[in-house]
């Protein structure tokens, strides 16, 4: 499934349906030259693998370091639609709110990954 600013309502619906909660991060691949970020998740409870490919990434940073746990299990991934929150994360980077998507990936450990990009591709794979 491919999402960008033109289909944010479908994006929000799809994120709500994804088996993200309790998924573990298996890898993060940040291709700076290509401005792509690929996050692999594995949900053993639902026996699914999830691939999140963020395209045209402008910002990828950890906002809070984990203090509660050492694991990489996910609480949620959400699309932040607040213009004020967007302005705080992009600061003076001259990134357009109207052309960008802002995601927050929260972990049980207390870490938060903040991602500002132009698109996201989501793939859910059923494991045997």
Protein backbone atom coordinates (compact mmCIF):
# COMPACT_ATOMS: atom_id res chain seq x y z
CA UNK A 1 0.00 0.00 0.00
CA UNK A 2 1.41 3.39 -1.01
CA UNK A 3 0.48 6.58 0.83
CA UNK A 4 1.34 10.26 0.52
CA UNK A 5 -0.33 13.60 1.33
CA UNK A 6 -3.01 12.95 -1.31
CA UNK A 7 -4.51 9.98 0.56
CA UNK A 8 -4.01 10.71 4.27
CA UNK A 9 -7.48 9.49 5.26
CA UNK A 10 -6.74 6.05 3.79
CA UNK A 11 -3.31 6.20 5.44
CA UNK A 12 -4.82 6.80 8.88
CA UNK A 13 -7.29 3.94 8.35
CA UNK A 14 -4.52 1.58 7.25
CA UNK A 15 -2.31 2.48 10.23
CA UNK A 16 -5.21 1.79 12.56
CA UNK A 17 -5.61 -1.70 11.07
CA UNK A 18 -1.91 -2.65 11.07
CA UNK A 19 -0.75 -5.24 13.63
CA UNK A 20 1.90 -2.80 14.93
CA UNK A 21 1.29 -3.11 18.69
CA UNK A 22 3.70 -5.61 20.30
CA UNK A 23 5.67 -5.95 17.07
CA UNK A 24 9.42 -6.05 17.45
CA UNK A 25 11.82 -4.05 15.31
CA UNK A 26 14.02 -6.54 13.50
CA UNK A 27 16.03 -3.98 11.52
CA UNK A 28 16.25 -0.35 10.48
CA UNK A 29 17.96 0.50 7.20
CA UNK A 30 18.60 4.18 6.59
CA UNK A 31 19.78 4.90 3.05
CA UNK A 32 20.72 8.56 3.39
CA UNK A 33 21.81 8.95 -0.25
CA UNK A 34 18.45 7.66 -1.49
CA UNK A 35 16.56 9.43 1.31
CA UNK A 36 14.84 6.14 2.17
CA UNK A 37 14.21 4.52 5.51
CA UNK A 38 13.15 0.87 5.75
CA UNK A 39 11.89 -0.49 9.07
CA UNK A 40 11.25 -4.23 9.42
CA UNK A 41 8.85 -5.34 12.15
CA UNK A 42 7.85 -8.80 13.28
CA UNK A 43 4.61 -9.51 15.14
CA UNK A 44 4.91 -13.02 16.58
CA UNK A 45 1.45 -12.85 18.19
CA UNK A 46 -0.26 -12.43 14.82
CA UNK A 47 2.45 -14.28 12.88
CA UNK A 48 3.08 -11.35 10.53
CA UNK A 49 6.02 -9.38 9.20
CA UNK A 50 5.59 -5.69 8.44
CA UNK A 51 7.79 -3.58 6.19
CA UNK A 52 7.56 0.20 6.36
CA UNK A 53 9.39 2.03 3.57
CA UNK A 54 9.51 5.78 4.11
CA UNK A 55 10.36 7.68 0.92
CA UNK A 56 12.01 11.08 0.48
CA UNK A 57 12.91 11.24 4.17
CA UNK A 58 13.75 14.74 5.39
CA UNK A 59 14.06 13.98 9.12
CA UNK A 60 14.75 10.76 11.05
CA UNK A 61 15.66 11.14 14.68
CA UNK A 62 15.25 9.64 18.11
CA UNK A 63 13.47 12.16 20.30
CA UNK A 64 13.44 10.30 23.63
CA UNK A 65 15.97 7.75 24.79
CA UNK A 66 14.58 4.64 26.43
CA UNK A 67 14.53 4.53 30.20
CA UNK A 68 11.94 1.84 30.82
CA UNK A 69 13.07 -1.23 28.93
CA UNK A 70 15.88 -2.38 26.66
CA UNK A 71 13.63 -3.99 24.03
CA UNK A 72 12.51 -2.76 20.64
CA UNK A 73 8.83 -3.68 20.95
CA UNK A 74 6.43 -1.16 19.42
CA UNK A 75 3.51 0.49 21.17
CA UNK A 76 2.26 2.36 18.13
CA UNK A 77 3.02 4.10 14.86
CA UNK A 78 0.92 7.16 14.26
CA UNK A 79 0.62 9.87 11.65
CA UNK A 80 0.93 13.22 13.46
CA UNK A 81 -1.34 15.74 11.79
CA UNK A 82 -0.79 18.69 14.12
CA UNK A 83 0.80 21.63 12.32
CA UNK A 84 2.31 22.86 15.62
CA UNK A 85 3.99 19.50 16.31
CA UNK A 86 5.27 19.45 12.72
CA UNK A 87 6.79 22.92 13.10
CA UNK A 88 8.56 21.87 16.31
CA UNK A 89 10.20 18.84 14.70
CA UNK A 90 11.27 20.53 11.44
CA UNK A 91 12.36 23.80 13.09
CA UNK A 92 14.18 25.90 10.49
CA UNK A 93 14.65 23.18 7.86
CA UNK A 94 12.37 24.76 5.23
CA UNK A 95 10.20 21.62 4.90
CA UNK A 96 6.63 22.11 3.69
CA UNK A 97 3.81 20.90 5.97
CA UNK A 98 1.46 20.60 2.98
CA UNK A 99 3.80 18.23 1.11
CA UNK A 100 5.05 16.09 4.00
CA UNK A 101 3.95 13.31 6.32
CA UNK A 102 5.08 13.21 9.95
CA UNK A 103 5.17 9.87 11.80
CA UNK A 104 6.01 8.93 15.37
CA UNK A 105 7.01 5.34 16.16
CA UNK A 106 6.74 4.77 19.93
CA UNK A 107 8.44 1.87 21.70
CA UNK A 108 7.76 0.34 25.10
CA UNK A 109 11.34 1.27 26.04
CA UNK A 110 10.43 4.95 25.95
CA UNK A 111 12.15 5.65 22.63
CA UNK A 112 10.35 7.61 19.97
CA UNK A 113 11.47 7.73 16.36
CA UNK A 114 10.28 10.83 14.50
CA UNK A 115 10.11 10.62 10.72
CA UNK A 116 9.22 13.37 8.25
CA UNK A 117 8.90 12.14 4.67
CA UNK A 118 6.92 12.46 1.46
CA UNK A 119 5.52 8.91 1.27
CA UNK A 120 5.22 5.56 2.99
CA UNK A 121 4.82 2.09 1.53
CA UNK A 122 3.39 -0.53 3.86
CA UNK A 123 3.61 -4.26 3.28
CA UNK A 124 2.19 -6.91 5.62
CA UNK A 125 3.37 -10.48 5.07
CA UNK A 126 1.67 -13.48 6.67
CA UNK A 127 4.24 -15.91 8.07
CA UNK A 128 3.67 -19.67 8.09
